[in-house]
Amino acid sequence: MRLITALILALVIPAVNAGIFPEKPITLIVPFAPGGGTDSIARDLAKILSEKLGQSVIVDNRGGGGGSIGASMGSKADADGYTLLFVTSTFITHAATDSAAGYNVEKDFSPVAVIGRGPLLVVSNKSVPAKSLSELIQLSNQTSDGLNYCSAGPGSINHLSGELFKQKTGAKLTHIPYKGSGPATIDLLAGRVQVFFATIPTILPYVETDRVNVLAITSEKRSPLFPAVPTAIEAGVPGFNISTWWGIVAPPGTPNTIVKQLNEAVNYAANKDPLKTRLAKEGALAYKASPADFQKMLNNELKLWQNVVKSTNLKVE
């Protein structure tokens, strides 16, 4: 009888233990270079997840290719929950503009959770006389060569937001791409470009020191950080509700039980300091979404930006 009991326990205990997650450290691929604002959010997240899950979450920076190098690695990892990919809005805009991105948003990943979302600010150089979006549009069409707007690079959220703005308003704007938001901001401040659809973390120091004109914010509602700044919708551009965001995806086929556990852990982390405070200071808010909701969000944004690319015949190389 004792022998039978021992045999049963020998079979049951490994089966129970096999369902425990996580049993070892988790790797979080961040498809950007270390040191930037996105990397800081990822590291805050990793720290809280480590505490919540009881295992180390190790940040692995894999920059390059507009995020495609890290994304490709994330899609090909084992579907066991031990390799995750940190994604931002660039994950979608890059896929929408570059046919050689190397990953398929709809097939190559299991969405886990959204960390937070934040709007863009439409700003201009101080020398631009326009004080509102309507005045900016009018000025662009009255100027022989129109106005220039800068971006962090072809296919970036800044770039595609500018193209969508042109479609919706008829503004005469020419895109000037840069290798990152830093160089774009420098030239905006110097007056070499006039307009920037900028993320709040990028432009906030220059808003606070009154070095740019703030024309509108791209959220559905006004931001507590800028209560006097109208939304683009209020300023007369219907449907111009654009945000940048941060989230986590896993390789395709990751078990639903693990995805659910990770979703709960990320939702917990996004509402806990220091991550919650960091998001708030950057004009963003924690955003709770189920994996299915996140999938729907990714699909909708991909369709939006693909339509912008198609209608403007954009070619990003």
C-alpha atoms as a PDB file:
ATOM      1  CA  MET A   1       0.000   0.000   0.000  1.00  0.00           C
ATOM      2  CA  ARG A   2       2.827   2.359   0.871  1.00  0.00           C
ATOM      3  CA  LEU A   3       4.498   1.568  -2.447  1.00  0.00           C
ATOM      4  CA  ILE A   4       1.294   2.427  -4.338  1.00  0.00           C
ATOM      5  CA  THR A   5       0.935   5.696  -2.428  1.00  0.00           C
ATOM      6  CA  ALA A   6       4.532   6.634  -3.178  1.00  0.00           C
ATOM      7  CA  LEU A   7       4.044   5.938  -6.858  1.00  0.00           C
ATOM      8  CA  ILE A   8       0.909   8.094  -6.965  1.00  0.00           C
ATOM      9  CA  LEU A   9       2.697  10.982  -5.243  1.00  0.00           C
ATOM     10  CA  ALA A  10       5.628  10.633  -7.626  1.00  0.00           C
ATOM     11  CA  LEU A  11       3.234  11.127 -10.534  1.00  0.00           C
ATOM     12  CA  VAL A  12       1.076  13.867  -9.027  1.00  0.00           C
ATOM     13  CA  ILE A  13       3.720  16.180  -7.557  1.00  0.00           C
ATOM     14  CA  PRO A  14       5.573  16.836 -10.870  1.00  0.00           C
ATOM     15  CA  ALA A  15       2.220  17.450 -12.564  1.00  0.00           C
ATOM     16  CA  VAL A  16       1.314  20.044  -9.939  1.00  0.00           C
ATOM     17  CA  ASN A  17       4.721  21.692 -10.094  1.00  0.00           C
ATOM     18  CA  ALA A  18       4.548  21.821 -13.891  1.00  0.00           C
ATOM     19  CA  GLY A  19       1.638  24.227 -13.575  1.00  0.00           C
ATOM     20  CA  ILE A  20       3.569  26.723 -11.458  1.00  0.00           C
ATOM     21  CA  PHE A  21       4.606  29.898 -13.276  1.00  0.00           C
ATOM     22  CA  PRO A  22       7.136  31.403 -13.173  1.00  0.00           C
ATOM     23  CA  GLU A  23       9.822  28.976 -12.025  1.00  0.00           C
ATOM     24  CA  LYS A  24      12.795  30.894 -13.430  1.00  0.00           C
ATOM     25  CA  PRO A  25      13.773  34.432 -14.497  1.00  0.00           C
ATOM     26  CA  ILE A  26      11.825  36.132 -17.285  1.00  0.00           C
ATOM     27  CA  THR A  27      13.501  38.070 -20.098  1.00  0.00           C
ATOM     28  CA  LEU A  28      11.866  41.307 -21.220  1.00  0.00           C
ATOM     29  CA  ILE A  29      13.114  42.304 -24.668  1.00  0.00           C
ATOM     30  CA  VAL A  30      13.131  46.082 -25.115  1.00  0.00           C
ATOM     31  CA  PRO A  31      13.627  46.935 -28.815  1.00  0.00           C
ATOM     32  CA  PHE A  32      15.340  50.249 -28.065  1.00  0.00           C
ATOM     33  CA  ALA A  33      18.725  51.376 -26.815  1.00  0.00           C
ATOM     34  CA  PRO A  34      19.185  51.709 -23.035  1.00  0.00           C
ATOM     35  CA  GLY A  35      18.888  55.064 -21.320  1.00  0.00           C
ATOM     36  CA  GLY A  36      15.850  56.631 -22.976  1.00  0.00           C
ATOM     37  CA  GLY A  37      12.391  57.324 -21.594  1.00  0.00           C
ATOM     38  CA  THR A  38      10.953  54.107 -23.027  1.00  0.00           C
ATOM     39  CA  ASP A  39      13.755  52.076 -21.489  1.00  0.00           C
ATOM     40  CA  SER A  40      13.092  53.738 -18.112  1.00  0.00           C
ATOM     41  CA  ILE A  41       9.422  52.717 -18.233  1.00  0.00           C
ATOM     42  CA  ALA A  42      10.428  49.150 -19.115  1.00  0.00           C
ATOM     43  CA  ARG A  43      12.871  49.002 -16.190  1.00  0.00           C
ATOM     44  CA  ASP A  44      10.317  50.355 -13.726  1.00  0.00           C
ATOM     45  CA  LEU A  45       7.896  47.711 -14.992  1.00  0.00           C
ATOM     46  CA  ALA A  46      10.501  44.941 -14.722  1.00  0.00           C
ATOM     47  CA  LYS A  47      11.277  45.843 -11.114  1.00  0.00           C
ATOM     48  CA  ILE A  48       7.627  45.711 -10.016  1.00  0.00           C
ATOM     49  CA  LEU A  49       6.946  42.522 -11.985  1.00  0.00           C
ATOM     50  CA  SER A  50       9.939  40.874 -10.305  1.00  0.00           C
ATOM     51  CA  GLU A  51       8.445  41.645  -6.908  1.00  0.00           C
ATOM     52  CA  LYS A  52       4.949  40.574  -7.956  1.00  0.00           C
ATOM     53  CA  LEU A  53       5.925  37.311  -9.681  1.00  0.00           C
ATOM     54  CA  GLY A  54       8.713  36.281  -7.319  1.00  0.00           C
ATOM     55  CA  GLN A  55      11.245  35.870 -10.141  1.00  0.00           C
ATOM     56  CA  SER A  56      13.715  38.266 -11.711  1.00  0.00           C
ATOM     57  CA  VAL A  57      12.540  40.067 -14.841  1.00  0.00           C
ATOM     58  CA  ILE A  58      15.654  40.913 -16.825  1.00  0.00           C
ATOM     59  CA  VAL A  59      15.618  43.740 -19.383  1.00  0.00           C
ATOM     60  CA  ASP A  60      17.382  42.817 -22.636  1.00  0.00           C
ATOM     61  CA  ASN A  61      17.869  45.877 -24.879  1.00  0.00           C
ATOM     62  CA  ARG A  62      17.823  44.974 -28.580  1.00  0.00           C
ATOM     63  CA  GLY A  63      17.746  48.279 -30.420  1.00  0.00           C
ATOM     64  CA  GLY A  64      17.888  48.841 -34.158  1.00  0.00           C
ATOM     65  CA  GLY A  65      15.732  48.547 -37.242  1.00  0.00           C
ATOM     66  CA  GLY A  66      13.020  50.785 -35.866  1.00  0.00           C
ATOM     67  CA  GLY A  67      12.278  48.125 -33.258  1.00  0.00           C
ATOM     68  CA  SER A  68      12.066  45.288 -35.778  1.00  0.00           C
ATOM     69  CA  ILE A  69      15.170  43.459 -34.495  1.00  0.00           C
ATOM     70  CA  GLY A  70      13.739  43.080 -31.011  1.00  0.00           C
ATOM     71  CA  ALA A  71      10.254  42.340 -32.345  1.00  0.00           C
ATOM     72  CA  SER A  72      11.549  39.562 -34.560  1.00  0.00           C
ATOM     73  CA  MET A  73      13.397  38.016 -31.606  1.00  0.00           C
ATOM     74  CA  GLY A  74      10.279  38.210 -29.463  1.00  0.00           C
ATOM     75  CA  SER A  75       8.125  36.501 -32.065  1.00  0.00           C
ATOM     76  CA  LYS A  76      10.538  33.574 -32.414  1.00  0.00           C
ATOM     77  CA  ALA A  77      11.079  32.899 -28.710  1.00  0.00           C
ATOM     78  CA  ASP A  78       9.655  29.845 -26.946  1.00  0.00           C
ATOM     79  CA  ALA A  79       5.959  30.260 -26.160  1.00  0.00           C
ATOM     80  CA  ASP A  80       6.348  29.558 -22.450  1.00  0.00           C
ATOM     81  CA  GLY A  81       6.015  33.033 -20.942  1.00  0.00           C
ATOM     82  CA  TYR A  82       9.702  33.364 -20.126  1.00  0.00           C
ATOM     83  CA  THR A  83      10.463  35.741 -22.994  1.00  0.00           C
ATOM     84  CA  LEU A  84       8.295  38.840 -23.394  1.00  0.00           C
ATOM     85  CA  LEU A  85       8.479  41.829 -25.735  1.00  0.00           C
ATOM     86  CA  PHE A  86       8.017  45.420 -24.617  1.00  0.00           C
ATOM     87  CA  VAL A  87       6.136  47.279 -27.355  1.00  0.00           C
ATOM     88  CA  THR A  88       5.107  50.866 -28.046  1.00  0.00           C
ATOM     89  CA  SER A  89       3.021  52.578 -30.718  1.00  0.00           C
ATOM     90  CA  THR A  90       6.106  52.284 -32.954  1.00  0.00           C
ATOM     91  CA  PHE A  91       5.430  48.534 -33.034  1.00  0.00           C
ATOM     92  CA  ILE A  92       2.321  49.308 -35.094  1.00  0.00           C
ATOM     93  CA  THR A  93       3.443  52.321 -37.120  1.00  0.00           C
ATOM     94  CA  HIS A  94       6.614  50.546 -38.244  1.00  0.00           C
ATOM     95  CA  ALA A  95       4.637  47.476 -39.319  1.00  0.00           C
ATOM     96  CA  ALA A  96       2.175  49.691 -41.200  1.00  0.00           C
ATOM     97  CA  THR A  97       4.847  51.540 -43.164  1.00  0.00           C
ATOM     98  CA  ASP A  98       7.573  48.953 -43.752  1.00  0.00           C
ATOM     99  CA  SER A  99       6.684  45.816 -45.705  1.00  0.00           C
ATOM    100  CA  ALA A 100      10.059  44.384 -44.691  1.00  0.00           C
ATOM    101  CA  ALA A 101       9.515  44.932 -40.960  1.00  0.00           C
ATOM    102  CA  GLY A 102      10.068  41.226 -40.347  1.00  0.00           C
ATOM    103  CA  TYR A 103       7.027  40.566 -38.177  1.00  0.00           C
ATOM    104  CA  ASN A 104       3.261  40.316 -38.511  1.00  0.00           C
ATOM    105  CA  VAL A 105       1.345  42.118 -35.767  1.00  0.00           C
ATOM    106  CA  GLU A 106      -1.762  39.949 -36.146  1.00  0.00           C
ATOM    107  CA  LYS A 107      -0.094  36.522 -36.351  1.00  0.00           C
ATOM    108  CA  ASP A 108       3.308  36.600 -34.652  1.00  0.00           C
ATOM    109  CA  PHE A 109       2.372  37.590 -31.084  1.00  0.00           C
ATOM    110  CA  SER A 110       0.070  36.910 -28.160  1.00  0.00           C
ATOM    111  CA  PRO A 111      -1.021  40.281 -26.717  1.00  0.00           C
ATOM    112  CA  VAL A 112      -0.639  40.375 -22.936  1.00  0.00           C
ATOM    113  CA  ALA A 113      -1.414  43.827 -21.531  1.00  0.00           C
ATOM    114  CA  VAL A 114      -1.304  47.582 -22.074  1.00  0.00           C
ATOM    115  CA  ILE A 115       0.758  49.524 -19.534  1.00  0.00           C
ATOM    116  CA  GLY A 116      -0.389  53.056 -20.286  1.00  0.00           C
ATOM    117  CA  ARG A 117      -1.402  55.556 -22.951  1.00  0.00           C
ATOM    118  CA  GLY A 118      -0.574  59.195 -23.465  1.00  0.00           C
ATOM    119  CA  PRO A 119      -1.449  61.859 -26.081  1.00  0.00           C
ATOM    120  CA  LEU A 120       0.782  63.919 -28.335  1.00  0.00           C
ATOM    121  CA  LEU A 121       1.152  67.688 -28.298  1.00  0.00           C
ATOM    122  CA  VAL A 122       0.979  69.725 -31.496  1.00  0.00           C
ATOM    123  CA  VAL A 123       3.657  72.359 -31.021  1.00  0.00           C
ATOM    124  CA  SER A 124       5.394  74.929 -33.190  1.00  0.00           C
ATOM    125  CA  ASN A 125       8.531  77.009 -33.117  1.00  0.00           C
ATOM    126  CA  LYS A 126       8.088  80.332 -31.303  1.00  0.00           C
ATOM    127  CA  SER A 127       8.619  82.247 -34.534  1.00  0.00           C
ATOM    128  CA  VAL A 128       5.489  80.729 -36.102  1.00  0.00           C
ATOM    129  CA  PRO A 129       2.732  83.342 -35.717  1.00  0.00           C
ATOM    130  CA  ALA A 130      -0.112  80.813 -35.489  1.00  0.00           C
ATOM    131  CA  LYS A 131      -1.612  80.510 -32.014  1.00  0.00           C
ATOM    132  CA  SER A 132      -4.203  77.814 -32.809  1.00  0.00           C
ATOM    133  CA  LEU A 133      -4.638  74.836 -35.115  1.00  0.00           C
ATOM    134  CA  SER A 134      -6.967  76.765 -37.408  1.00  0.00           C
ATOM    135  CA  GLU A 135      -4.390  79.557 -37.736  1.00  0.00           C
ATOM    136  CA  LEU A 136      -1.661  76.971 -38.392  1.00  0.00           C
ATOM    137  CA  ILE A 137      -3.674  75.364 -41.177  1.00  0.00           C
ATOM    138  CA  GLN A 138      -4.433  78.749 -42.698  1.00  0.00           C
ATOM    139  CA  LEU A 139      -0.801  79.838 -42.474  1.00  0.00           C
ATOM    140  CA  SER A 140       0.439  76.641 -44.114  1.00  0.00           C
ATOM    141  CA  ASN A 141      -1.866  77.197 -47.076  1.00  0.00           C
ATOM    142  CA  GLN A 142      -0.990  80.871 -47.413  1.00  0.00           C
ATOM    143  CA  THR A 143       2.765  80.220 -47.454  1.00  0.00           C
ATOM    144  CA  SER A 144       4.159  79.396 -50.888  1.00  0.00           C
ATOM    145  CA  ASP A 145       6.142  76.366 -49.715  1.00  0.00           C
ATOM    146  CA  GLY A 146       3.886  75.523 -46.797  1.00  0.00           C
ATOM    147  CA  LEU A 147       5.389  74.570 -43.442  1.00  0.00           C
ATOM    148  CA  ASN A 148       7.714  71.767 -42.386  1.00  0.00           C
ATOM    149  CA  TYR A 149       7.041  69.291 -39.615  1.00  0.00           C
ATOM    150  CA  CYS A 150       9.655  67.071 -38.014  1.00  0.00           C
ATOM    151  CA  SER A 151       9.556  63.514 -36.716  1.00  0.00           C
ATOM    152  CA  ALA A 152      11.714  60.940 -34.954  1.00  0.00           C
ATOM    153  CA  GLY A 153      12.033  59.135 -38.281  1.00  0.00           C
ATOM    154  CA  PRO A 154      10.054  57.658 -41.169  1.00  0.00           C
ATOM    155  CA  GLY A 155       7.178  55.542 -39.923  1.00  0.00           C
ATOM    156  CA  SER A 156       7.255  57.008 -36.417  1.00  0.00           C
ATOM    157  CA  ILE A 157       4.108  58.053 -34.570  1.00  0.00           C
ATOM    158  CA  ASN A 158       5.118  61.706 -35.155  1.00  0.00           C
ATOM    159  CA  HIS A 159       5.401  61.104 -38.886  1.00  0.00           C
ATOM    160  CA  LEU A 160       2.100  59.300 -39.355  1.00  0.00           C
ATOM    161  CA  SER A 161       0.253  61.723 -37.068  1.00  0.00           C
ATOM    162  CA  GLY A 162       1.390  64.543 -39.333  1.00  0.00           C
ATOM    163  CA  GLU A 163       0.192  62.688 -42.411  1.00  0.00           C
ATOM    164  CA  LEU A 164      -3.180  61.990 -40.814  1.00  0.00           C
ATOM    165  CA  PHE A 165      -3.448  65.659 -39.822  1.00  0.00           C
ATOM    166  CA  LYS A 166      -2.799  66.681 -43.426  1.00  0.00           C
ATOM    167  CA  GLN A 167      -5.501  64.302 -44.652  1.00  0.00           C
ATOM    168  CA  LYS A 168      -8.058  65.622 -42.208  1.00  0.00           C
ATOM    169  CA  THR A 169      -7.330  69.338 -42.613  1.00  0.00           C
ATOM    170  CA  GLY A 170      -5.742  69.926 -46.009  1.00  0.00           C
ATOM    171  CA  ALA A 171      -2.798  71.634 -44.296  1.00  0.00           C
ATOM    172  CA  LYS A 172       0.241  72.126 -46.503  1.00  0.00           C
ATOM    173  CA  LEU A 173       2.968  70.399 -44.486  1.00  0.00           C
ATOM    174  CA  THR A 174       6.213  68.753 -45.589  1.00  0.00           C
ATOM    175  CA  HIS A 175       7.679  65.929 -43.537  1.00  0.00           C
ATOM    176  CA  ILE A 176      11.310  66.274 -42.384  1.00  0.00           C
ATOM    177  CA  PRO A 177      12.518  63.023 -40.750  1.00  0.00           C
ATOM    178  CA  TYR A 178      15.291  62.842 -38.151  1.00  0.00           C
ATOM    179  CA  LYS A 179      17.163  60.026 -36.463  1.00  0.00           C
ATOM    180  CA  GLY A 180      15.303  60.306 -33.192  1.00  0.00           C
ATOM    181  CA  SER A 181      13.221  62.832 -31.305  1.00  0.00           C
ATOM    182  CA  GLY A 182      16.290  64.555 -29.839  1.00  0.00           C
ATOM    183  CA  PRO A 183      17.682  65.908 -33.132  1.00  0.00           C
ATOM    184  CA  ALA A 184      14.145  66.754 -34.298  1.00  0.00           C
ATOM    185  CA  THR A 185      13.554  68.822 -31.177  1.00  0.00           C
ATOM    186  CA  ILE A 186      16.859  70.660 -31.577  1.00  0.00           C
ATOM    187  CA  ASP A 187      15.953  71.777 -35.089  1.00  0.00           C
ATOM    188  CA  LEU A 188      12.421  72.715 -34.013  1.00  0.00           C
ATOM    189  CA  LEU A 189      13.820  74.991 -31.299  1.00  0.00           C
ATOM    190  CA  ALA A 190      16.307  76.467 -33.776  1.00  0.00           C
ATOM    191  CA  GLY A 191      13.530  77.249 -36.270  1.00  0.00           C
ATOM    192  CA  ARG A 192      14.810  74.967 -39.009  1.00  0.00           C
ATOM    193  CA  VAL A 193      11.437  73.185 -38.882  1.00  0.00           C
ATOM    194  CA  GLN A 194       8.184  74.740 -37.753  1.00  0.00           C
ATOM    195  CA  VAL A 195       5.851  72.025 -36.392  1.00  0.00           C
ATOM    196  CA  PHE A 196       6.159  68.853 -34.304  1.00  0.00           C
ATOM    197  CA  PHE A 197       3.517  66.276 -33.346  1.00  0.00           C
ATOM    198  CA  ALA A 198       5.532  65.431 -30.260  1.00  0.00           C
ATOM    199  CA  THR A 199       5.226  62.939 -27.449  1.00  0.00           C
ATOM    200  CA  ILE A 200       4.885  64.657 -24.094  1.00  0.00           C
ATOM    201  CA  PRO A 201       8.097  63.220 -22.546  1.00  0.00           C
ATOM    202  CA  THR A 202      10.050  64.594 -25.509  1.00  0.00           C
ATOM    203  CA  ILE A 203       8.670  68.124 -25.515  1.00  0.00           C
ATOM    204  CA  LEU A 204       7.609  68.720 -21.896  1.00  0.00           C
ATOM    205  CA  PRO A 205      10.832  70.502 -20.759  1.00  0.00           C
ATOM    206  CA  TYR A 206      10.442  73.039 -23.567  1.00  0.00           C
ATOM    207  CA  VAL A 207       6.743  73.552 -22.862  1.00  0.00           C
ATOM    208  CA  GLU A 208       7.542  74.260 -19.231  1.00  0.00           C
ATOM    209  CA  THR A 209      10.176  76.839 -20.213  1.00  0.00           C
ATOM    210  CA  ASP A 210       7.934  78.437 -22.876  1.00  0.00           C
ATOM    211  CA  ARG A 211      10.290  77.640 -25.745  1.00  0.00           C
ATOM    212  CA  VAL A 212       7.534  76.328 -28.051  1.00  0.00           C
ATOM    213  CA  ASN A 213       3.962  77.275 -28.873  1.00  0.00           C
ATOM    214  CA  VAL A 214       1.481  74.605 -27.747  1.00  0.00           C
ATOM    215  CA  LEU A 215      -1.456  74.518 -30.152  1.00  0.00           C
ATOM    216  CA  ALA A 216      -3.400  71.406 -29.191  1.00  0.00           C
ATOM    217  CA  ILE A 217      -3.317  68.027 -27.503  1.00  0.00           C
ATOM    218  CA  THR A 218      -4.379  64.881 -29.347  1.00  0.00           C
ATOM    219  CA  SER A 219      -6.332  63.194 -26.540  1.00  0.00           C
ATOM    220  CA  GLU A 220     -10.098  62.843 -26.468  1.00  0.00           C
ATOM    221  CA  LYS A 221     -10.241  65.003 -23.341  1.00  0.00           C
ATOM    222  CA  ARG A 222      -8.009  67.788 -22.039  1.00  0.00           C
ATOM    223  CA  SER A 223      -5.018  66.761 -19.974  1.00  0.00           C
ATOM    224  CA  PRO A 224      -4.661  67.642 -16.281  1.00  0.00           C
ATOM    225  CA  LEU A 225      -1.090  68.658 -17.136  1.00  0.00           C
ATOM    226  CA  PHE A 226      -2.310  71.222 -19.680  1.00  0.00           C
ATOM    227  CA  PRO A 227      -5.857  72.216 -18.731  1.00  0.00           C
ATOM    228  CA  ALA A 228      -5.772  75.366 -20.893  1.00  0.00           C
ATOM    229  CA  VAL A 229      -4.702  73.495 -24.045  1.00  0.00           C
ATOM    230  CA  PRO A 230      -7.643  72.473 -26.273  1.00  0.00           C
ATOM    231  CA  THR A 231      -7.901  69.030 -27.773  1.00  0.00           C
ATOM    232  CA  ALA A 232      -7.455  68.791 -31.531  1.00  0.00           C
ATOM    233  CA  ILE A 233     -11.110  67.787 -31.719  1.00  0.00           C
ATOM    234  CA  GLU A 234     -12.139  70.943 -29.854  1.00  0.00           C
ATOM    235  CA  ALA A 235      -9.875  72.918 -32.180  1.00  0.00           C
ATOM    236  CA  GLY A 236     -11.840  71.753 -35.206  1.00  0.00           C
ATOM    237  CA  VAL A 237     -10.162  68.513 -36.343  1.00  0.00           C
ATOM    238  CA  PRO A 238     -12.791  65.762 -35.861  1.00  0.00           C
ATOM    239  CA  GLY A 239     -11.485  62.287 -35.081  1.00  0.00           C
ATOM    240  CA  PHE A 240      -7.908  63.383 -34.502  1.00  0.00           C
ATOM    241  CA  ASN A 241      -7.520  61.332 -31.322  1.00  0.00           C
ATOM    242  CA  ILE A 242      -3.978  59.948 -31.316  1.00  0.00           C
ATOM    243  CA  SER A 243      -1.961  58.446 -28.499  1.00  0.00           C
ATOM    244  CA  THR A 244       1.333  56.796 -27.881  1.00  0.00           C
ATOM    245  CA  TRP A 245       1.299  53.728 -25.656  1.00  0.00           C
ATOM    246  CA  TRP A 246       3.372  51.013 -24.030  1.00  0.00           C
ATOM    247  CA  GLY A 247       2.498  47.336 -23.699  1.00  0.00           C
ATOM    248  CA  ILE A 248       3.665  43.741 -23.430  1.00  0.00           C
ATOM    249  CA  VAL A 249       3.255  40.913 -25.946  1.00  0.00           C
ATOM    250  CA  ALA A 250       4.406  37.302 -25.858  1.00  0.00           C
ATOM    251  CA  PRO A 251       5.322  34.804 -28.586  1.00  0.00           C
ATOM    252  CA  PRO A 252       2.393  33.245 -30.457  1.00  0.00           C
ATOM    253  CA  GLY A 253       0.871  30.207 -28.795  1.00  0.00           C
ATOM    254  CA  THR A 254       1.728  31.223 -25.240  1.00  0.00           C
ATOM    255  CA  PRO A 255      -0.752  29.356 -22.978  1.00  0.00           C
ATOM    256  CA  ASN A 256      -3.805  31.392 -22.018  1.00  0.00           C
ATOM    257  CA  THR A 257      -3.285  30.670 -18.318  1.00  0.00           C
ATOM    258  CA  ILE A 258       0.168  32.253 -18.447  1.00  0.00           C
ATOM    259  CA  VAL A 259      -1.048  35.205 -20.525  1.00  0.00           C
ATOM    260  CA  LYS A 260      -3.830  35.798 -17.989  1.00  0.00           C
ATOM    261  CA  GLN A 261      -1.384  35.690 -15.074  1.00  0.00           C
ATOM    262  CA  LEU A 262       0.986  38.105 -16.817  1.00  0.00           C
ATOM    263  CA  ASN A 263      -1.918  40.414 -17.709  1.00  0.00           C
ATOM    264  CA  GLU A 264      -2.912  40.640 -14.065  1.00  0.00           C
ATOM    265  CA  ALA A 265       0.695  41.294 -13.034  1.00  0.00           C
ATOM    266  CA  VAL A 266       1.199  44.070 -15.619  1.00  0.00           C
ATOM    267  CA  ASN A 267      -2.098  45.726 -14.670  1.00  0.00           C
ATOM    268  CA  TYR A 268      -0.957  45.655 -11.042  1.00  0.00           C
ATOM    269  CA  ALA A 269       2.456  47.131 -11.933  1.00  0.00           C
ATOM    270  CA  ALA A 270       1.008  49.964 -14.031  1.00  0.00           C
ATOM    271  CA  ASN A 271      -0.936  51.203 -11.011  1.00  0.00           C
ATOM    272  CA  LYS A 272       1.983  51.003  -8.590  1.00  0.00           C
ATOM    273  CA  ASP A 273       4.804  53.477  -8.030  1.00  0.00           C
ATOM    274  CA  PRO A 274       7.286  54.313  -9.388  1.00  0.00           C
ATOM    275  CA  LEU A 275       5.673  53.357 -12.692  1.00  0.00           C
ATOM    276  CA  LYS A 276       2.328  55.032 -12.010  1.00  0.00           C
ATOM    277  CA  THR A 277       3.988  58.344 -11.097  1.00  0.00           C
ATOM    278  CA  ARG A 278       6.346  58.172 -14.072  1.00  0.00           C
ATOM    279  CA  LEU A 279       3.427  57.729 -16.449  1.00  0.00           C
ATOM    280  CA  ALA A 280       1.507  60.600 -14.843  1.00  0.00           C
ATOM    281  CA  LYS A 281       4.485  62.950 -15.098  1.00  0.00           C
ATOM    282  CA  GLU A 282       4.684  62.170 -18.790  1.00  0.00           C
ATOM    283  CA  GLY A 283       1.032  62.990 -19.383  1.00  0.00           C
ATOM    284  CA  ALA A 284       0.009  59.350 -19.568  1.00  0.00           C
ATOM    285  CA  LEU A 285      -2.264  57.150 -17.502  1.00  0.00           C
ATOM    286  CA  ALA A 286      -2.214  53.466 -16.645  1.00  0.00           C
ATOM    287  CA  TYR A 287      -4.501  51.649 -19.055  1.00  0.00           C
ATOM    288  CA  LYS A 288      -6.122  48.388 -18.018  1.00  0.00           C
ATOM    289  CA  ALA A 289      -7.063  46.060 -20.865  1.00  0.00           C
ATOM    290  CA  SER A 290      -7.625  42.337 -21.256  1.00  0.00           C
ATOM    291  CA  PRO A 291      -5.484  40.434 -23.785  1.00  0.00           C
ATOM    292  CA  ALA A 292      -8.512  40.372 -26.115  1.00  0.00           C
ATOM    293  CA  ASP A 293      -8.996  44.133 -25.746  1.00  0.00           C
ATOM    294  CA  PHE A 294      -5.317  44.687 -26.484  1.00  0.00           C
ATOM    295  CA  GLN A 295      -5.573  42.534 -29.611  1.00  0.00           C
ATOM    296  CA  LYS A 296      -8.524  44.603 -30.798  1.00  0.00           C
ATOM    297  CA  MET A 297      -6.609  47.821 -30.129  1.00  0.00           C
ATOM    298  CA  LEU A 298      -3.598  46.581 -32.110  1.00  0.00           C
ATOM    299  CA  ASN A 299      -5.780  45.534 -35.046  1.00  0.00           C
ATOM    300  CA  ASN A 300      -7.637  48.866 -35.114  1.00  0.00           C
ATOM    301  CA  GLU A 301      -4.455  50.936 -34.985  1.00  0.00           C
ATOM    302  CA  LEU A 302      -2.783  48.816 -37.638  1.00  0.00           C
ATOM    303  CA  LYS A 303      -5.757  49.361 -39.939  1.00  0.00           C
ATOM    304  CA  LEU A 304      -5.753  53.115 -39.227  1.00  0.00           C
ATOM    305  CA  TRP A 305      -2.096  53.597 -40.074  1.00  0.00           C
ATOM    306  CA  GLN A 306      -2.187  51.228 -43.063  1.00  0.00           C
ATOM    307  CA  ASN A 307      -4.995  53.352 -44.505  1.00  0.00           C
ATOM    308  CA  VAL A 308      -2.946  56.514 -43.939  1.00  0.00           C
ATOM    309  CA  VAL A 309       0.043  54.926 -45.660  1.00  0.00           C
ATOM    310  CA  LYS A 310      -2.059  53.703 -48.574  1.00  0.00           C
ATOM    311  CA  SER A 311      -3.944  56.944 -49.132  1.00  0.00           C
ATOM    312  CA  THR A 312      -0.767  59.040 -49.068  1.00  0.00           C
ATOM    313  CA  ASN A 313       1.272  56.497 -51.046  1.00  0.00           C
ATOM    314  CA  LEU A 314       3.997  56.596 -48.391  1.00  0.00           C
ATOM    315  CA  LYS A 315       7.116  54.597 -49.098  1.00  0.00           C
ATOM    316  CA  VAL A 316       9.467  54.062 -46.170  1.00  0.00           C
ATOM    317  CA  GLU A 317      12.789  52.442 -46.933  1.00  0.00           C
END
